[in-house]
């Protein structure tokens, strides 16, 4: 099957311009895959994930997923990356994830309108981003990493006290957001993340998915075992 890279419980289907998850992936790998990389496609729906009940790690970066994103229940999922999609309704996403992914510990939303990161929106600053982190941690209390940063004890305490009041307002002008985002190259994002405090080997899936799709799979292999 062209485009599929399978290595035991690890499956990659990247840069195939697919708009939905092919049925053959579920038939062949749904019962065994623990890590699935579908980055650099044109996905708008995740309907085909219903057969992947054993997933522990799911990479969906660089797709077209929006506020109607729906995952099946994935009780073992601990890592989810949704970088560079079209998600703007943060609260709806977090409520959904708390229901379907109770074991989630690693989440990355960089490059979405829902994530007010100054790298992709010139009218946002570190304070905006920190408020966003408090709100996410209020909703998803088991997270250990959010985007490229480890969740600190202090952040967790602040989220408990103030997170409910830090709701991020859904952006009204998507066009302005994407015009601002276009000003920053992938290299800018990588440079910024390299200076962050996220140094654990477990950050590999986040870094790899922001790189060239040709090297994405190889760089993320180290993160397959937790």
N, C-alpha and C. Protein backbone atom coordinates (compact mmCIF):
# COMPACT_ATOMS: atom_id res chain seq x y z
N UNK A 1 0.84 -1.18 0.00
CA UNK A 1 0.00 0.00 0.00
C UNK A 1 0.88 1.24 0.00
N UNK A 2 0.85 1.98 -1.09
CA UNK A 2 1.72 3.14 -1.25
C UNK A 2 1.46 4.17 -0.17
N UNK A 3 2.55 4.73 0.35
CA UNK A 3 2.44 5.81 1.32
C UNK A 3 2.41 5.35 2.76
N UNK A 4 2.20 4.07 3.01
CA UNK A 4 2.12 3.57 4.38
C UNK A 4 3.48 3.10 4.86
N UNK A 5 3.87 3.56 6.03
CA UNK A 5 5.09 3.07 6.67
C UNK A 5 4.67 2.40 7.96
N UNK A 6 4.81 1.09 8.02
CA UNK A 6 4.41 0.34 9.20
C UNK A 6 5.60 -0.35 9.85
N UNK A 7 5.70 -0.23 11.16
CA UNK A 7 6.79 -0.87 11.89
C UNK A 7 6.21 -1.40 13.20
N UNK A 8 5.64 -2.58 13.14
CA UNK A 8 4.99 -3.13 14.32
C UNK A 8 3.75 -2.33 14.67
N UNK A 9 3.75 -1.76 15.86
CA UNK A 9 2.60 -0.99 16.34
C UNK A 9 2.66 0.47 15.93
N UNK A 10 3.67 0.84 15.11
CA UNK A 10 3.81 2.22 14.66
C UNK A 10 3.43 2.32 13.19
N UNK A 11 2.53 3.24 12.88
CA UNK A 11 2.04 3.39 11.51
C UNK A 11 2.09 4.87 11.10
N UNK A 12 2.64 5.14 9.93
CA UNK A 12 2.69 6.50 9.40
C UNK A 12 2.04 6.54 8.03
N UNK A 13 1.24 7.55 7.82
CA UNK A 13 0.61 7.79 6.50
C UNK A 13 0.60 9.30 6.31
N UNK A 14 1.76 9.84 5.95
CA UNK A 14 1.94 11.29 5.89
C UNK A 14 2.10 11.78 4.46
N UNK A 15 1.73 13.05 4.26
CA UNK A 15 1.90 13.73 2.96
C UNK A 15 1.24 12.98 1.80
N UNK A 16 0.03 12.50 2.03
CA UNK A 16 -0.70 11.77 0.98
C UNK A 16 -1.88 12.56 0.43
N UNK A 17 -2.05 13.79 0.89
CA UNK A 17 -3.15 14.65 0.43
C UNK A 17 -4.52 14.01 0.62
N UNK A 18 -4.65 13.14 1.60
CA UNK A 18 -5.95 12.48 1.82
C UNK A 18 -6.87 13.39 2.64
N UNK A 19 -8.15 13.39 2.28
CA UNK A 19 -9.14 14.21 2.96
C UNK A 19 -9.86 13.44 4.06
N UNK A 20 -9.72 12.13 4.05
CA UNK A 20 -10.28 11.29 5.11
C UNK A 20 -9.36 10.10 5.31
N UNK A 21 -9.49 9.45 6.43
CA UNK A 21 -8.61 8.32 6.75
C UNK A 21 -9.03 7.11 5.92
N UNK A 22 -8.13 6.58 5.10
CA UNK A 22 -8.48 5.45 4.23
C UNK A 22 -8.96 4.23 5.02
N UNK A 23 -9.95 3.55 4.48
CA UNK A 23 -10.50 2.37 5.16
C UNK A 23 -9.47 1.26 5.33
N UNK A 24 -8.56 1.12 4.36
CA UNK A 24 -7.61 0.02 4.44
C UNK A 24 -6.67 0.17 5.65
N UNK A 25 -6.43 1.41 6.09
CA UNK A 25 -5.58 1.59 7.27
C UNK A 25 -6.23 0.95 8.50
N UNK A 26 -7.52 1.18 8.64
CA UNK A 26 -8.23 0.58 9.78
C UNK A 26 -8.29 -0.93 9.70
N UNK A 27 -8.51 -1.43 8.49
CA UNK A 27 -8.61 -2.89 8.34
C UNK A 27 -7.30 -3.58 8.69
N UNK A 28 -6.20 -3.00 8.26
CA UNK A 28 -4.91 -3.67 8.45
C UNK A 28 -4.25 -3.35 9.79
N UNK A 29 -4.41 -2.10 10.26
CA UNK A 29 -3.65 -1.68 11.43
C UNK A 29 -4.51 -1.29 12.64
N UNK A 30 -5.83 -1.20 12.45
CA UNK A 30 -6.68 -0.71 13.53
C UNK A 30 -6.55 -1.46 14.84
N UNK A 31 -6.36 -2.76 14.77
CA UNK A 31 -6.31 -3.56 16.00
C UNK A 31 -4.95 -3.64 16.64
N UNK A 32 -3.90 -3.13 15.96
CA UNK A 32 -2.54 -3.27 16.50
C UNK A 32 -1.80 -1.95 16.69
N UNK A 33 -2.22 -0.92 15.97
CA UNK A 33 -1.47 0.35 16.01
C UNK A 33 -1.57 1.03 17.36
N UNK A 34 -0.42 1.40 17.91
CA UNK A 34 -0.37 2.17 19.14
C UNK A 34 0.08 3.60 18.87
N UNK A 35 0.76 3.77 17.74
CA UNK A 35 1.19 5.11 17.34
C UNK A 35 0.80 5.33 15.88
N UNK A 36 0.06 6.40 15.61
CA UNK A 36 -0.42 6.68 14.26
C UNK A 36 -0.09 8.12 13.89
N UNK A 37 0.63 8.28 12.78
CA UNK A 37 1.02 9.61 12.29
C UNK A 37 0.30 9.88 10.98
N UNK A 38 -0.60 10.86 11.00
CA UNK A 38 -1.37 11.24 9.81
C UNK A 38 -1.09 12.70 9.44
N UNK A 39 0.07 13.18 9.76
CA UNK A 39 0.40 14.59 9.53
C UNK A 39 0.61 14.91 8.06
N UNK A 40 0.53 16.20 7.74
CA UNK A 40 0.74 16.72 6.38
C UNK A 40 -0.24 16.10 5.38
N UNK A 41 -1.51 16.07 5.74
CA UNK A 41 -2.56 15.65 4.83
C UNK A 41 -3.60 16.76 4.72
N UNK A 42 -4.80 16.42 4.26
CA UNK A 42 -5.88 17.39 4.11
C UNK A 42 -7.10 16.97 4.91
N UNK A 43 -6.87 16.32 6.02
CA UNK A 43 -7.96 15.75 6.81
C UNK A 43 -8.88 16.82 7.39
N UNK A 44 -10.17 16.61 7.20
CA UNK A 44 -11.21 17.42 7.83
C UNK A 44 -12.05 16.58 8.79
N UNK A 45 -11.96 15.26 8.65
CA UNK A 45 -12.74 14.34 9.46
C UNK A 45 -11.84 13.22 9.99
N UNK A 46 -12.19 12.73 11.18
CA UNK A 46 -11.45 11.62 11.79
C UNK A 46 -12.33 10.39 11.93
N UNK A 47 -13.32 10.28 11.07
CA UNK A 47 -14.27 9.18 11.12
C UNK A 47 -13.58 7.83 11.10
N UNK A 48 -12.50 7.71 10.34
CA UNK A 48 -11.82 6.43 10.17
C UNK A 48 -11.04 5.95 11.38
N UNK A 49 -11.03 6.72 12.46
CA UNK A 49 -10.28 6.30 13.65
C UNK A 49 -11.03 5.32 14.54
N UNK A 50 -12.27 5.03 14.22
CA UNK A 50 -13.09 4.20 15.09
C UNK A 50 -12.48 2.81 15.35
N UNK A 51 -11.73 2.30 14.40
CA UNK A 51 -11.15 0.96 14.57
C UNK A 51 -9.83 0.98 15.33
N UNK A 52 -9.26 2.17 15.56
CA UNK A 52 -7.95 2.29 16.21
C UNK A 52 -8.12 2.44 17.73
N UNK A 53 -8.67 1.43 18.36
CA UNK A 53 -9.01 1.52 19.78
C UNK A 53 -7.81 1.41 20.71
N UNK A 54 -6.65 0.97 20.19
CA UNK A 54 -5.47 0.76 21.03
C UNK A 54 -4.49 1.93 21.00
N UNK A 55 -4.84 3.00 20.32
CA UNK A 55 -3.89 4.10 20.13
C UNK A 55 -3.42 4.71 21.46
N UNK A 56 -2.10 4.93 21.52
CA UNK A 56 -1.50 5.63 22.64
C UNK A 56 -0.96 6.99 22.21
N UNK A 57 -0.60 7.10 20.94
CA UNK A 57 -0.04 8.35 20.42
C UNK A 57 -0.64 8.64 19.04
N UNK A 58 -1.12 9.87 18.85
CA UNK A 58 -1.77 10.25 17.61
C UNK A 58 -1.24 11.61 17.16
N UNK A 59 -0.67 11.65 15.95
CA UNK A 59 -0.11 12.88 15.39
C UNK A 59 -0.95 13.32 14.21
N UNK A 60 -1.54 14.50 14.32
CA UNK A 60 -2.46 15.02 13.30
C UNK A 60 -2.05 16.40 12.82
N UNK A 61 -0.79 16.73 12.94
CA UNK A 61 -0.30 18.05 12.58
C UNK A 61 -0.44 18.35 11.09
N UNK A 62 -0.58 19.65 10.79
CA UNK A 62 -0.64 20.11 9.40
C UNK A 62 -1.76 19.44 8.61
N UNK A 63 -2.97 19.57 9.12
CA UNK A 63 -4.17 19.13 8.41
C UNK A 63 -5.17 20.28 8.37
N UNK A 64 -6.43 19.98 8.11
CA UNK A 64 -7.47 21.00 8.00
C UNK A 64 -8.57 20.78 9.03
N UNK A 65 -8.21 20.21 10.15
CA UNK A 65 -9.19 19.90 11.19
C UNK A 65 -9.68 21.17 11.88
N UNK A 66 -11.01 21.26 12.05
CA UNK A 66 -11.60 22.45 12.63
C UNK A 66 -12.37 22.17 13.90
N UNK A 67 -13.33 23.04 14.20
CA UNK A 67 -14.06 22.94 15.45
C UNK A 67 -15.01 21.74 15.52
N UNK A 68 -15.26 21.13 14.39
CA UNK A 68 -16.12 19.94 14.38
C UNK A 68 -15.32 18.65 14.57
N UNK A 69 -14.07 18.78 14.94
CA UNK A 69 -13.21 17.61 15.17
C UNK A 69 -13.83 16.71 16.23
N UNK A 70 -13.94 15.42 15.90
CA UNK A 70 -14.45 14.45 16.84
C UNK A 70 -13.60 13.18 16.81
N UNK A 71 -13.13 12.79 17.98
CA UNK A 71 -12.36 11.55 18.12
C UNK A 71 -13.26 10.48 18.71
N UNK A 72 -13.01 9.22 18.36
CA UNK A 72 -13.70 8.14 19.06
C UNK A 72 -13.12 8.04 20.47
N UNK A 73 -13.72 7.27 21.32
CA UNK A 73 -13.14 7.11 22.66
C UNK A 73 -11.83 6.34 22.55
N UNK A 74 -10.77 6.94 23.08
CA UNK A 74 -9.43 6.35 23.03
C UNK A 74 -8.88 6.31 24.46
N UNK A 75 -9.22 5.28 25.19
CA UNK A 75 -8.88 5.24 26.62
C UNK A 75 -7.39 5.18 26.93
N UNK A 76 -6.57 4.74 25.96
CA UNK A 76 -5.13 4.60 26.20
C UNK A 76 -4.31 5.76 25.63
N UNK A 77 -4.95 6.70 24.98
CA UNK A 77 -4.23 7.79 24.31
C UNK A 77 -3.57 8.72 25.32
N UNK A 78 -2.24 8.83 25.26
CA UNK A 78 -1.53 9.72 26.18
C UNK A 78 -0.89 10.90 25.46
N UNK A 79 -0.74 10.81 24.14
CA UNK A 79 -0.09 11.89 23.38
C UNK A 79 -0.92 12.26 22.16
N UNK A 80 -1.23 13.56 22.04
CA UNK A 80 -2.01 14.05 20.90
C UNK A 80 -1.42 15.37 20.43
N UNK A 81 -1.03 15.43 19.15
CA UNK A 81 -0.54 16.68 18.60
C UNK A 81 -1.46 17.10 17.46
N UNK A 82 -1.90 18.35 17.55
CA UNK A 82 -2.82 18.94 16.57
C UNK A 82 -2.26 20.25 16.04
N UNK A 83 -0.95 20.36 15.98
CA UNK A 83 -0.31 21.58 15.52
C UNK A 83 -0.74 21.95 14.09
N UNK A 84 -0.88 23.25 13.88
CA UNK A 84 -1.15 23.80 12.54
C UNK A 84 -2.38 23.18 11.89
N UNK A 85 -3.52 23.30 12.59
CA UNK A 85 -4.81 22.97 12.02
C UNK A 85 -5.67 24.23 12.03
N UNK A 86 -6.99 24.10 12.05
CA UNK A 86 -7.88 25.26 11.95
C UNK A 86 -8.86 25.31 13.13
N UNK A 87 -8.35 25.02 14.31
CA UNK A 87 -9.18 24.97 15.51
C UNK A 87 -9.20 26.34 16.18
N UNK A 88 -10.40 26.87 16.41
CA UNK A 88 -10.52 28.18 17.05
C UNK A 88 -11.33 28.12 18.35
N UNK A 89 -12.16 27.11 18.52
CA UNK A 89 -12.99 26.99 19.72
C UNK A 89 -12.29 26.09 20.74
N UNK A 90 -11.52 26.70 21.61
CA UNK A 90 -10.70 25.94 22.55
C UNK A 90 -11.55 25.18 23.57
N UNK A 91 -12.55 25.82 24.14
CA UNK A 91 -13.34 25.17 25.19
C UNK A 91 -14.05 23.93 24.68
N UNK A 92 -14.61 24.02 23.49
CA UNK A 92 -15.30 22.86 22.91
C UNK A 92 -14.34 21.70 22.72
N UNK A 93 -13.14 21.99 22.21
CA UNK A 93 -12.14 20.94 22.00
C UNK A 93 -11.75 20.28 23.32
N UNK A 94 -11.48 21.09 24.33
CA UNK A 94 -11.03 20.55 25.62
C UNK A 94 -12.11 19.72 26.29
N UNK A 95 -13.35 20.16 26.19
CA UNK A 95 -14.45 19.38 26.76
C UNK A 95 -14.55 18.02 26.08
N UNK A 96 -14.36 18.03 24.76
CA UNK A 96 -14.42 16.78 24.01
C UNK A 96 -13.27 15.86 24.40
N UNK A 97 -12.07 16.40 24.50
CA UNK A 97 -10.91 15.59 24.84
C UNK A 97 -11.02 15.01 26.25
N UNK A 98 -11.58 15.75 27.16
CA UNK A 98 -11.73 15.25 28.53
C UNK A 98 -12.68 14.05 28.57
N UNK A 99 -13.61 14.01 27.62
CA UNK A 99 -14.56 12.90 27.56
C UNK A 99 -13.98 11.65 26.89
N UNK A 100 -13.27 11.86 25.78
CA UNK A 100 -12.85 10.72 24.96
C UNK A 100 -11.42 10.26 25.21
N UNK A 101 -10.60 11.08 25.85
CA UNK A 101 -9.18 10.73 26.07
C UNK A 101 -8.81 10.97 27.52
N UNK A 102 -9.32 10.16 28.43
CA UNK A 102 -9.09 10.38 29.87
C UNK A 102 -7.64 10.21 30.32
N UNK A 103 -6.82 9.55 29.51
CA UNK A 103 -5.42 9.31 29.88
C UNK A 103 -4.45 10.31 29.26
N UNK A 104 -4.97 11.36 28.61
CA UNK A 104 -4.13 12.30 27.88
C UNK A 104 -3.16 13.04 28.81
N UNK A 105 -1.87 13.01 28.44
CA UNK A 105 -0.83 13.66 29.23
C UNK A 105 0.00 14.65 28.41
N UNK A 106 0.00 14.49 27.10
CA UNK A 106 0.81 15.33 26.22
C UNK A 106 -0.08 15.88 25.11
N UNK A 107 -0.20 17.21 25.04
CA UNK A 107 -1.06 17.86 24.05
C UNK A 107 -0.33 19.05 23.45
N UNK A 108 -0.43 19.19 22.12
CA UNK A 108 0.16 20.36 21.46
C UNK A 108 -0.83 20.93 20.46
N UNK A 109 -1.06 22.25 20.57
CA UNK A 109 -2.02 22.96 19.71
C UNK A 109 -1.39 24.15 19.00
N UNK A 110 -0.09 24.20 18.92
CA UNK A 110 0.58 25.33 18.29
C UNK A 110 0.11 25.53 16.85
N UNK A 111 -0.03 26.79 16.46
CA UNK A 111 -0.41 27.09 15.09
C UNK A 111 -1.90 27.06 14.83
N UNK A 112 -2.71 26.92 15.87
CA UNK A 112 -4.16 27.03 15.75
C UNK A 112 -4.62 28.37 16.32
N UNK A 113 -5.75 28.87 15.83
CA UNK A 113 -6.28 30.12 16.37
C UNK A 113 -6.63 29.98 17.85
N UNK A 114 -6.93 28.76 18.29
CA UNK A 114 -7.27 28.53 19.69
C UNK A 114 -6.08 28.70 20.61
N UNK A 115 -4.89 28.66 20.06
CA UNK A 115 -3.67 28.80 20.85
C UNK A 115 -3.07 30.18 20.61
N UNK A 116 -3.23 31.11 21.55
CA UNK A 116 -2.78 32.50 21.34
C UNK A 116 -1.28 32.66 21.51
N UNK A 117 -0.53 32.07 20.63
CA UNK A 117 0.92 32.11 20.70
C UNK A 117 1.44 33.30 19.91
N UNK A 118 2.37 34.04 20.48
CA UNK A 118 2.88 35.25 19.83
C UNK A 118 3.65 34.96 18.55
N UNK A 119 4.05 33.71 18.35
CA UNK A 119 4.77 33.38 17.12
C UNK A 119 3.88 33.47 15.88
N UNK A 120 2.59 33.24 16.05
CA UNK A 120 1.70 33.25 14.89
C UNK A 120 0.64 34.34 14.95
N UNK A 121 0.66 35.14 15.99
CA UNK A 121 -0.31 36.23 16.09
C UNK A 121 0.37 37.42 16.74
N UNK A 122 0.62 38.46 15.97
CA UNK A 122 1.42 39.58 16.46
C UNK A 122 0.74 40.38 17.56
N UNK A 123 -0.59 40.20 17.72
CA UNK A 123 -1.29 40.94 18.77
C UNK A 123 -1.38 40.16 20.07
N UNK A 124 -0.72 39.01 20.15
CA UNK A 124 -0.71 38.21 21.37
C UNK A 124 0.67 38.26 22.01
N UNK A 125 0.68 38.12 23.32
CA UNK A 125 1.97 38.12 24.03
C UNK A 125 2.02 36.95 25.01
N UNK A 126 3.07 36.92 25.80
CA UNK A 126 3.28 35.81 26.71
C UNK A 126 2.18 35.71 27.76
N UNK A 127 1.64 36.84 28.16
CA UNK A 127 0.55 36.82 29.14
C UNK A 127 -0.69 36.14 28.57
N UNK A 128 -0.99 36.42 27.31
CA UNK A 128 -2.13 35.75 26.65
C UNK A 128 -1.90 34.24 26.62
N UNK A 129 -0.70 33.86 26.28
CA UNK A 129 -0.39 32.45 26.19
C UNK A 129 -0.46 31.77 27.55
N UNK A 130 0.00 32.47 28.60
CA UNK A 130 -0.03 31.88 29.93
C UNK A 130 -1.46 31.69 30.42
N UNK A 131 -2.33 32.64 30.11
CA UNK A 131 -3.74 32.49 30.47
C UNK A 131 -4.36 31.30 29.77
N UNK A 132 -3.97 31.12 28.52
CA UNK A 132 -4.43 29.95 27.76
C UNK A 132 -3.98 28.66 28.43
N UNK A 133 -2.76 28.62 28.91
CA UNK A 133 -2.26 27.43 29.58
C UNK A 133 -3.05 27.14 30.86
N UNK A 134 -3.36 28.17 31.62
CA UNK A 134 -4.15 27.96 32.83
C UNK A 134 -5.51 27.36 32.50
N UNK A 135 -6.12 27.87 31.45
CA UNK A 135 -7.45 27.38 31.08
C UNK A 135 -7.39 25.93 30.62
N UNK A 136 -6.40 25.59 29.80
CA UNK A 136 -6.25 24.21 29.34
C UNK A 136 -6.02 23.27 30.52
N UNK A 137 -5.17 23.67 31.43
CA UNK A 137 -4.84 22.82 32.58
C UNK A 137 -6.02 22.70 33.54
N UNK A 138 -6.86 23.71 33.56
CA UNK A 138 -8.10 23.61 34.35
C UNK A 138 -9.02 22.55 33.78
N UNK A 139 -9.05 22.44 32.45
CA UNK A 139 -9.93 21.48 31.78
C UNK A 139 -9.33 20.08 31.74
N UNK A 140 -8.03 20.00 31.49
CA UNK A 140 -7.35 18.70 31.36
C UNK A 140 -6.33 18.58 32.49
N UNK A 141 -6.76 18.08 33.60
CA UNK A 141 -5.95 18.12 34.82
C UNK A 141 -4.79 17.13 34.83
N UNK A 142 -4.77 16.18 33.91
CA UNK A 142 -3.70 15.16 33.90
C UNK A 142 -2.53 15.52 33.00
N UNK A 143 -2.60 16.65 32.31
CA UNK A 143 -1.53 17.00 31.36
C UNK A 143 -0.19 17.18 32.06
N UNK A 144 0.86 16.64 31.42
CA UNK A 144 2.23 16.82 31.89
C UNK A 144 3.00 17.78 31.00
N UNK A 145 2.65 17.80 29.71
CA UNK A 145 3.24 18.73 28.76
C UNK A 145 2.12 19.39 27.96
N UNK A 146 2.24 20.69 27.75
CA UNK A 146 1.33 21.42 26.88
C UNK A 146 2.15 22.19 25.87
N UNK A 147 1.91 21.93 24.59
CA UNK A 147 2.71 22.51 23.51
C UNK A 147 4.17 22.10 23.72
N UNK A 148 5.07 23.04 23.86
CA UNK A 148 6.48 22.67 24.00
C UNK A 148 6.99 22.80 25.42
N UNK A 149 6.09 22.96 26.37
CA UNK A 149 6.53 23.21 27.73
C UNK A 149 5.98 22.17 28.72
N UNK A 150 6.85 21.81 29.64
CA UNK A 150 6.42 20.93 30.73
C UNK A 150 5.50 21.71 31.66
N UNK A 151 4.47 21.07 32.14
CA UNK A 151 3.56 21.69 33.10
C UNK A 151 4.23 21.72 34.46
N UNK A 152 4.34 22.90 35.04
CA UNK A 152 4.99 23.03 36.34
C UNK A 152 3.99 22.91 37.48
N UNK A 153 4.50 22.64 38.65
CA UNK A 153 3.66 22.56 39.84
C UNK A 153 2.96 23.89 40.08
N UNK A 154 3.66 24.97 39.87
CA UNK A 154 3.09 26.31 40.05
C UNK A 154 1.95 26.55 39.08
N UNK A 155 2.13 26.17 37.82
CA UNK A 155 1.06 26.34 36.85
C UNK A 155 -0.17 25.53 37.23
N UNK A 156 0.06 24.34 37.71
CA UNK A 156 -1.06 23.48 38.09
C UNK A 156 -1.85 24.10 39.25
N UNK A 157 -1.13 24.69 40.18
CA UNK A 157 -1.79 25.34 41.32
C UNK A 157 -2.57 26.57 40.86
N UNK A 158 -1.98 27.35 39.97
CA UNK A 158 -2.66 28.53 39.44
C UNK A 158 -3.89 28.15 38.63
N UNK A 159 -3.77 27.08 37.86
CA UNK A 159 -4.89 26.60 37.06
C UNK A 159 -6.06 26.19 37.95
N UNK A 160 -5.74 25.59 39.08
CA UNK A 160 -6.76 25.17 40.02
C UNK A 160 -7.49 26.37 40.61
N UNK A 161 -6.74 27.43 40.88
CA UNK A 161 -7.32 28.62 41.49
C UNK A 161 -8.01 29.55 40.49
N UNK A 162 -7.38 29.73 39.32
CA UNK A 162 -7.85 30.76 38.40
C UNK A 162 -8.21 30.27 37.01
N UNK A 163 -7.92 29.01 36.72
CA UNK A 163 -8.08 28.52 35.35
C UNK A 163 -9.48 28.69 34.79
N UNK A 164 -10.49 28.53 35.61
CA UNK A 164 -11.87 28.63 35.14
C UNK A 164 -12.21 30.01 34.62
N UNK A 165 -11.44 31.04 35.04
CA UNK A 165 -11.72 32.42 34.65
C UNK A 165 -10.83 32.88 33.50
N UNK A 166 -10.06 31.97 32.92
CA UNK A 166 -9.10 32.33 31.88
C UNK A 166 -9.54 31.88 30.49
N UNK A 167 -10.82 31.79 30.28
CA UNK A 167 -11.34 31.32 29.00
C UNK A 167 -10.81 32.17 27.86
N UNK A 168 -10.30 31.50 26.83
CA UNK A 168 -9.77 32.18 25.66
C UNK A 168 -10.91 32.46 24.69
N UNK A 169 -11.08 33.73 24.31
CA UNK A 169 -12.16 34.11 23.41
C UNK A 169 -11.85 33.63 22.01
N UNK A 170 -12.84 33.04 21.36
CA UNK A 170 -12.69 32.56 20.00
C UNK A 170 -12.40 33.73 19.06
N UNK A 171 -11.32 33.67 18.27
CA UNK A 171 -10.99 34.76 17.35
C UNK A 171 -12.11 35.01 16.36
N UNK A 172 -12.35 36.29 16.07
CA UNK A 172 -13.43 36.64 15.15
C UNK A 172 -12.96 36.70 13.70
N UNK A 173 -11.70 37.02 13.51
CA UNK A 173 -11.21 37.22 12.15
C UNK A 173 -10.15 36.19 11.80
N UNK A 174 -10.57 35.09 11.20
CA UNK A 174 -9.64 34.03 10.83
C UNK A 174 -8.64 34.50 9.79
N UNK A 175 -9.09 35.38 8.89
CA UNK A 175 -8.21 35.85 7.81
C UNK A 175 -7.00 36.57 8.38
N UNK A 176 -7.24 37.44 9.36
CA UNK A 176 -6.14 38.17 9.98
C UNK A 176 -5.17 37.21 10.66
N UNK A 177 -5.73 36.20 11.32
CA UNK A 177 -4.87 35.22 11.99
C UNK A 177 -3.94 34.55 11.01
N UNK A 178 -4.48 34.06 9.90
CA UNK A 178 -3.65 33.31 8.97
C UNK A 178 -2.68 34.21 8.22
N UNK A 179 -3.03 35.49 8.04
CA UNK A 179 -2.08 36.43 7.44
C UNK A 179 -0.90 36.64 8.37
N UNK A 180 -1.19 36.74 9.67
CA UNK A 180 -0.10 36.88 10.63
C UNK A 180 0.74 35.62 10.71
N UNK A 181 0.06 34.48 10.68
CA UNK A 181 0.78 33.21 10.77
C UNK A 181 1.73 33.03 9.61
N UNK A 182 1.35 33.54 8.43
CA UNK A 182 2.17 33.38 7.24
C UNK A 182 3.48 34.14 7.34
N UNK A 183 3.57 35.07 8.27
CA UNK A 183 4.78 35.87 8.43
C UNK A 183 5.90 35.09 9.10
N UNK A 184 5.54 33.98 9.69
CA UNK A 184 6.53 33.19 10.41
C UNK A 184 6.76 31.87 9.71
N UNK A 185 8.00 31.56 9.45
CA UNK A 185 8.33 30.31 8.77
C UNK A 185 8.45 29.18 9.77
N UNK A 186 8.53 27.96 9.26
CA UNK A 186 8.71 26.81 10.13
C UNK A 186 10.01 26.93 10.92
N UNK A 187 10.99 27.54 10.30
CA UNK A 187 12.26 27.71 10.98
C UNK A 187 12.15 28.59 12.21
N UNK A 188 11.29 29.64 12.15
CA UNK A 188 11.08 30.50 13.30
C UNK A 188 10.50 29.72 14.46
N UNK A 189 9.54 28.86 14.16
CA UNK A 189 8.90 28.08 15.21
C UNK A 189 9.91 27.14 15.85
N UNK A 190 10.70 26.47 15.02
CA UNK A 190 11.68 25.53 15.55
C UNK A 190 12.73 26.25 16.40
N UNK A 191 13.13 27.43 15.96
CA UNK A 191 14.13 28.18 16.71
C UNK A 191 13.59 28.54 18.09
N UNK A 192 12.34 28.95 18.13
CA UNK A 192 11.74 29.33 19.40
C UNK A 192 11.58 28.14 20.32
N UNK A 193 11.14 27.02 19.77
CA UNK A 193 10.91 25.84 20.61
C UNK A 193 12.22 25.25 21.10
N UNK A 194 13.30 25.44 20.34
CA UNK A 194 14.59 24.90 20.76
C UNK A 194 15.07 25.56 22.05
N UNK A 195 14.63 26.80 22.32
CA UNK A 195 15.08 27.50 23.50
C UNK A 195 14.16 27.30 24.69
N UNK A 196 13.14 26.50 24.52
CA UNK A 196 12.17 26.27 25.60
C UNK A 196 12.74 25.30 26.62
N UNK A 197 11.98 25.13 27.72
CA UNK A 197 12.43 24.24 28.80
C UNK A 197 12.07 22.79 28.54
N UNK A 198 11.48 22.49 27.40
CA UNK A 198 11.03 21.12 27.14
C UNK A 198 12.19 20.31 26.59
N UNK A 199 12.93 19.63 27.42
CA UNK A 199 14.15 18.96 27.00
C UNK A 199 14.06 17.45 27.07
N UNK A 200 13.00 16.92 27.62
CA UNK A 200 12.85 15.47 27.75
C UNK A 200 12.78 14.81 26.39
N UNK A 201 13.26 13.56 26.30
CA UNK A 201 13.16 12.82 25.05
C UNK A 201 11.72 12.63 24.64
N UNK A 202 10.79 12.79 25.56
CA UNK A 202 9.38 12.61 25.23
C UNK A 202 8.84 13.74 24.38
N UNK A 203 9.63 14.82 24.16
CA UNK A 203 9.16 15.92 23.34
C UNK A 203 9.32 15.62 21.87
N UNK A 204 9.93 14.51 21.53
CA UNK A 204 10.20 14.21 20.12
C UNK A 204 8.99 14.29 19.22
N UNK A 205 7.81 13.78 19.59
CA UNK A 205 6.67 13.85 18.67
C UNK A 205 6.26 15.26 18.35
N UNK A 206 6.46 16.21 19.29
CA UNK A 206 6.09 17.58 19.04
C UNK A 206 7.07 18.22 18.05
N UNK A 207 8.37 18.00 18.30
CA UNK A 207 9.37 18.58 17.41
C UNK A 207 9.29 17.97 16.01
N UNK A 208 9.19 16.67 15.94
CA UNK A 208 9.22 15.98 14.65
C UNK A 208 8.10 16.43 13.75
N UNK A 209 6.93 16.66 14.30
CA UNK A 209 5.78 16.98 13.47
C UNK A 209 5.86 18.38 12.91
N UNK A 210 6.77 19.22 13.42
CA UNK A 210 6.93 20.56 12.88
C UNK A 210 8.01 20.62 11.82
N UNK A 211 8.71 19.51 11.61
CA UNK A 211 9.78 19.46 10.63
C UNK A 211 9.26 19.06 9.26
N UNK A 212 10.19 18.95 8.32
CA UNK A 212 9.85 18.47 6.99
C UNK A 212 9.20 17.10 7.07
N UNK A 213 8.10 16.88 6.34
CA UNK A 213 7.43 15.58 6.42
C UNK A 213 8.30 14.41 6.04
N UNK A 214 9.33 14.63 5.26
CA UNK A 214 10.20 13.53 4.83
C UNK A 214 11.00 12.97 5.99
N UNK A 215 11.24 13.81 7.03
CA UNK A 215 12.03 13.35 8.17
C UNK A 215 11.19 13.18 9.41
N UNK A 216 9.92 13.48 9.31
CA UNK A 216 9.02 13.45 10.47
C UNK A 216 9.00 12.10 11.14
N UNK A 217 8.82 11.04 10.35
CA UNK A 217 8.65 9.71 10.93
C UNK A 217 9.89 9.26 11.67
N UNK A 218 11.07 9.48 11.06
CA UNK A 218 12.29 8.99 11.68
C UNK A 218 12.56 9.72 13.01
N UNK A 219 12.31 11.03 13.05
CA UNK A 219 12.64 11.78 14.25
C UNK A 219 11.71 11.47 15.40
N UNK A 220 10.52 11.00 15.11
CA UNK A 220 9.55 10.74 16.17
C UNK A 220 9.64 9.33 16.71
N UNK A 221 10.49 8.47 16.14
CA UNK A 221 10.55 7.09 16.58
C UNK A 221 10.91 6.99 18.06
N UNK A 222 11.81 7.90 18.53
CA UNK A 222 12.27 7.82 19.89
C UNK A 222 11.14 8.02 20.91
N UNK A 223 10.05 8.64 20.47
CA UNK A 223 8.96 8.93 21.39
C UNK A 223 7.94 7.82 21.47
N UNK A 224 8.16 6.72 20.79
CA UNK A 224 7.14 5.67 20.73
C UNK A 224 7.07 4.84 21.99
N UNK A 225 8.10 4.90 22.82
CA UNK A 225 8.12 4.10 24.05
C UNK A 225 8.18 5.01 25.25
N UNK A 226 7.19 4.92 26.13
CA UNK A 226 7.15 5.78 27.31
C UNK A 226 7.33 4.94 28.57
